[in-house]
Amino acid sequence: MVKSPRWLRPHTIKVMNILGEENLEEITSTVTVQHVKVSKTKARTYGQTGASNSDTILITIDVNDYKADKVLVPPSEFKTPDTQFTIRTGDRIEVHGDIYEITNVNILNPLRNTPEFIEVTCE
């Protein structure tokens, strides 16, 4: 099991899995994940109706070396929010106090058949 150096992954994020709604209140399951890499890209788009921000964040998680209170599982196996968490499109991630929505999840396995890294794109 090859791990990437932790000095390349100095950040901490919070993953918020959306479980549904009850009494018009959103129900979420939150977990703090340490030793991830966060790359933020700021962009501004100018159009006929004015300017708009299109900031994106790319988060890289080494699945062989991260620290969390819950177990990371694929979205299809996410059944117990008390002990598990997942990363899927539509959930949210908090980085440095800002909350972003997950727009894309890319699972990379350059060395084996099992996942090595998870790249998460958020807006």
C-alpha atoms as a PDB file:
ATOM      1  CA  MET A   1       0.000   0.000   0.000  1.00  0.00           C
ATOM      2  CA  VAL A   2       1.713   3.180  -1.234  1.00  0.00           C
ATOM      3  CA  LYS A   3       0.886   6.436   0.578  1.00  0.00           C
ATOM      4  CA  SER A   4       1.481   9.942  -0.633  1.00  0.00           C
ATOM      5  CA  PRO A   5       3.479  12.206   1.712  1.00  0.00           C
ATOM      6  CA  ARG A   6       1.331  13.951   4.323  1.00  0.00           C
ATOM      7  CA  TRP A   7       3.087  17.278   3.798  1.00  0.00           C
ATOM      8  CA  LEU A   8       1.349  17.340   0.399  1.00  0.00           C
ATOM      9  CA  ARG A   9      -2.021  16.947   2.150  1.00  0.00           C
ATOM     10  CA  PRO A  10      -2.089  19.433   5.067  1.00  0.00           C
ATOM     11  CA  HIS A  11      -5.777  20.363   5.006  1.00  0.00           C
ATOM     12  CA  THR A  12      -8.885  19.357   6.965  1.00  0.00           C
ATOM     13  CA  ILE A  13     -12.426  19.328   5.542  1.00  0.00           C
ATOM     14  CA  LYS A  14     -15.931  18.484   6.734  1.00  0.00           C
ATOM     15  CA  VAL A  15     -18.070  16.224   4.572  1.00  0.00           C
ATOM     16  CA  MET A  16     -21.822  16.724   4.969  1.00  0.00           C
ATOM     17  CA  ASN A  17     -23.903  13.843   3.641  1.00  0.00           C
ATOM     18  CA  ILE A  18     -27.481  14.937   2.978  1.00  0.00           C
ATOM     19  CA  LEU A  19     -29.851  12.310   4.365  1.00  0.00           C
ATOM     20  CA  GLY A  20     -33.176  13.922   3.590  1.00  0.00           C
ATOM     21  CA  GLU A  21     -35.651  16.333   5.084  1.00  0.00           C
ATOM     22  CA  GLU A  22     -37.846  16.292   8.175  1.00  0.00           C
ATOM     23  CA  ASN A  23     -40.261  19.091   9.148  1.00  0.00           C
ATOM     24  CA  LEU A  24     -38.745  21.284   6.385  1.00  0.00           C
ATOM     25  CA  GLU A  25     -35.312  20.896   8.028  1.00  0.00           C
ATOM     26  CA  GLU A  26     -32.440  19.306   6.147  1.00  0.00           C
ATOM     27  CA  ILE A  27     -30.952  16.253   7.888  1.00  0.00           C
ATOM     28  CA  THR A  28     -27.202  15.796   7.430  1.00  0.00           C
ATOM     29  CA  SER A  29     -24.472  13.525   8.709  1.00  0.00           C
ATOM     30  CA  THR A  30     -21.139  15.337   9.169  1.00  0.00           C
ATOM     31  CA  VAL A  31     -17.611  13.948   9.465  1.00  0.00           C
ATOM     32  CA  THR A  32     -14.237  15.695   9.691  1.00  0.00           C
ATOM     33  CA  VAL A  33     -11.576  14.333   7.333  1.00  0.00           C
ATOM     34  CA  GLN A  34      -7.909  15.179   7.888  1.00  0.00           C
ATOM     35  CA  HIS A  35      -4.865  14.880   5.601  1.00  0.00           C
ATOM     36  CA  VAL A  36      -6.455  15.976   2.322  1.00  0.00           C
ATOM     37  CA  LYS A  37      -5.205  18.350  -0.388  1.00  0.00           C
ATOM     38  CA  VAL A  38      -7.360  21.386  -1.212  1.00  0.00           C
ATOM     39  CA  SER A  39      -6.699  23.425  -4.377  1.00  0.00           C
ATOM     40  CA  LYS A  40      -8.869  26.497  -4.826  1.00  0.00           C
ATOM     41  CA  THR A  41      -9.369  28.229  -8.179  1.00  0.00           C
ATOM     42  CA  LYS A  42     -10.948  31.661  -8.279  1.00  0.00           C
ATOM     43  CA  ALA A  43     -12.564  32.729 -11.529  1.00  0.00           C
ATOM     44  CA  ARG A  44     -14.783  35.559 -12.648  1.00  0.00           C
ATOM     45  CA  THR A  45     -16.920  35.411 -15.779  1.00  0.00           C
ATOM     46  CA  TYR A  46     -18.087  38.539 -17.578  1.00  0.00           C
ATOM     47  CA  GLY A  47     -21.169  38.438 -19.736  1.00  0.00           C
ATOM     48  CA  GLN A  48     -23.877  40.712 -21.076  1.00  0.00           C
ATOM     49  CA  THR A  49     -25.774  40.537 -17.795  1.00  0.00           C
ATOM     50  CA  GLY A  50     -22.743  41.370 -15.666  1.00  0.00           C
ATOM     51  CA  ALA A  51     -20.006  39.580 -13.787  1.00  0.00           C
ATOM     52  CA  SER A  52     -20.356  36.308 -11.903  1.00  0.00           C
ATOM     53  CA  ASN A  53     -17.997  34.289  -9.741  1.00  0.00           C
ATOM     54  CA  SER A  54     -17.267  30.698 -10.667  1.00  0.00           C
ATOM     55  CA  ASP A  55     -14.896  29.563  -7.923  1.00  0.00           C
ATOM     56  CA  THR A  56     -14.076  25.852  -7.866  1.00  0.00           C
ATOM     57  CA  ILE A  57     -12.258  23.641  -5.408  1.00  0.00           C
ATOM     58  CA  LEU A  58     -10.425  20.398  -6.137  1.00  0.00           C
ATOM     59  CA  ILE A  59      -9.969  18.114  -3.121  1.00  0.00           C
ATOM     60  CA  THR A  60      -7.681  15.083  -3.315  1.00  0.00           C
ATOM     61  CA  ILE A  61      -8.072  12.293  -0.746  1.00  0.00           C
ATOM     62  CA  ASP A  62      -5.534   9.474  -0.438  1.00  0.00           C
ATOM     63  CA  VAL A  63      -7.786   6.548   0.498  1.00  0.00           C
ATOM     64  CA  ASN A  64      -4.796   4.715   1.996  1.00  0.00           C
ATOM     65  CA  ASP A  65      -3.940   7.517   4.416  1.00  0.00           C
ATOM     66  CA  TYR A  66      -6.623   9.843   5.785  1.00  0.00           C
ATOM     67  CA  LYS A  67      -8.032  10.347   9.257  1.00  0.00           C
ATOM     68  CA  ALA A  68     -11.778  10.399  10.003  1.00  0.00           C
ATOM     69  CA  ASP A  69     -14.142   9.280  12.762  1.00  0.00           C
ATOM     70  CA  LYS A  70     -16.220   7.249  10.298  1.00  0.00           C
ATOM     71  CA  VAL A  71     -15.463   4.704   7.583  1.00  0.00           C
ATOM     72  CA  LEU A  72     -15.449   5.825   3.934  1.00  0.00           C
ATOM     73  CA  VAL A  73     -17.724   3.642   1.776  1.00  0.00           C
ATOM     74  CA  PRO A  74     -18.917   3.833  -1.843  1.00  0.00           C
ATOM     75  CA  PRO A  75     -22.294   5.594  -2.289  1.00  0.00           C
ATOM     76  CA  SER A  76     -24.016   2.279  -3.082  1.00  0.00           C
ATOM     77  CA  GLU A  77     -22.936   0.847   0.312  1.00  0.00           C
ATOM     78  CA  PHE A  78     -23.840   3.935   2.401  1.00  0.00           C
ATOM     79  CA  LYS A  79     -26.418   2.574   4.871  1.00  0.00           C
ATOM     80  CA  THR A  80     -25.365   3.630   8.412  1.00  0.00           C
ATOM     81  CA  PRO A  81     -24.652   7.387   8.736  1.00  0.00           C
ATOM     82  CA  ASP A  82     -23.572   6.954  12.378  1.00  0.00           C
ATOM     83  CA  THR A  83     -20.496   4.905  11.421  1.00  0.00           C
ATOM     84  CA  GLN A  84     -20.071   5.531   7.670  1.00  0.00           C
ATOM     85  CA  PHE A  85     -19.667   8.426   5.272  1.00  0.00           C
ATOM     86  CA  THR A  86     -19.542   8.688   1.516  1.00  0.00           C
ATOM     87  CA  ILE A  87     -18.579  11.235  -1.108  1.00  0.00           C
ATOM     88  CA  ARG A  88     -21.208  11.739  -3.797  1.00  0.00           C
ATOM     89  CA  THR A  89     -22.511  14.434  -6.108  1.00  0.00           C
ATOM     90  CA  GLY A  90     -24.984  16.770  -4.398  1.00  0.00           C
ATOM     91  CA  ASP A  91     -23.517  16.493  -0.896  1.00  0.00           C
ATOM     92  CA  ARG A  92     -21.585  19.379   0.632  1.00  0.00           C
ATOM     93  CA  ILE A  93     -18.043  20.013   1.843  1.00  0.00           C
ATOM     94  CA  GLU A  94     -16.904  22.716   4.255  1.00  0.00           C
ATOM     95  CA  VAL A  95     -13.417  24.116   3.635  1.00  0.00           C
ATOM     96  CA  HIS A  96     -11.955  26.990   5.663  1.00  0.00           C
ATOM     97  CA  GLY A  97     -15.445  28.027   6.830  1.00  0.00           C
ATOM     98  CA  ASP A  98     -16.958  28.103   3.308  1.00  0.00           C
ATOM     99  CA  ILE A  99     -19.495  25.492   2.174  1.00  0.00           C
ATOM    100  CA  TYR A 100     -19.351  24.094  -1.364  1.00  0.00           C
ATOM    101  CA  GLU A 101     -21.525  21.587  -3.219  1.00  0.00           C
ATOM    102  CA  ILE A 102     -19.906  18.499  -4.717  1.00  0.00           C
ATOM    103  CA  THR A 103     -20.282  18.572  -8.511  1.00  0.00           C
ATOM    104  CA  ASN A 104     -17.996  15.701  -9.546  1.00  0.00           C
ATOM    105  CA  VAL A 105     -16.287  12.706  -7.920  1.00  0.00           C
ATOM    106  CA  ASN A 106     -13.422  11.003  -9.759  1.00  0.00           C
ATOM    107  CA  ILE A 107     -11.967   7.759  -8.381  1.00  0.00           C
ATOM    108  CA  LEU A 108      -8.372   7.159  -9.441  1.00  0.00           C
ATOM    109  CA  ASN A 109      -6.567   3.838  -9.223  1.00  0.00           C
ATOM    110  CA  PRO A 110      -3.293   4.148 -11.099  1.00  0.00           C
ATOM    111  CA  LEU A 111      -1.553   1.235  -9.378  1.00  0.00           C
ATOM    112  CA  ARG A 112      -4.201  -1.396  -8.599  1.00  0.00           C
ATOM    113  CA  ASN A 113      -7.827  -2.341  -9.076  1.00  0.00           C
ATOM    114  CA  THR A 114      -8.781  -0.739  -5.745  1.00  0.00           C
ATOM    115  CA  PRO A 115      -9.128   3.066  -5.430  1.00  0.00           C
ATOM    116  CA  GLU A 116      -5.962   4.958  -4.533  1.00  0.00           C
ATOM    117  CA  PHE A 117      -7.177   8.555  -4.678  1.00  0.00           C
ATOM    118  CA  ILE A 118     -10.519  10.327  -4.797  1.00  0.00           C
ATOM    119  CA  GLU A 119     -10.676  13.694  -6.558  1.00  0.00           C
ATOM    120  CA  VAL A 120     -13.676  15.797  -5.555  1.00  0.00           C
ATOM    121  CA  THR A 121     -14.679  18.903  -7.507  1.00  0.00           C
ATOM    122  CA  CYS A 122     -16.874  21.449  -5.731  1.00  0.00           C
ATOM    123  CA  GLU A 123     -18.471  24.758  -6.636  1.00  0.00           C
END
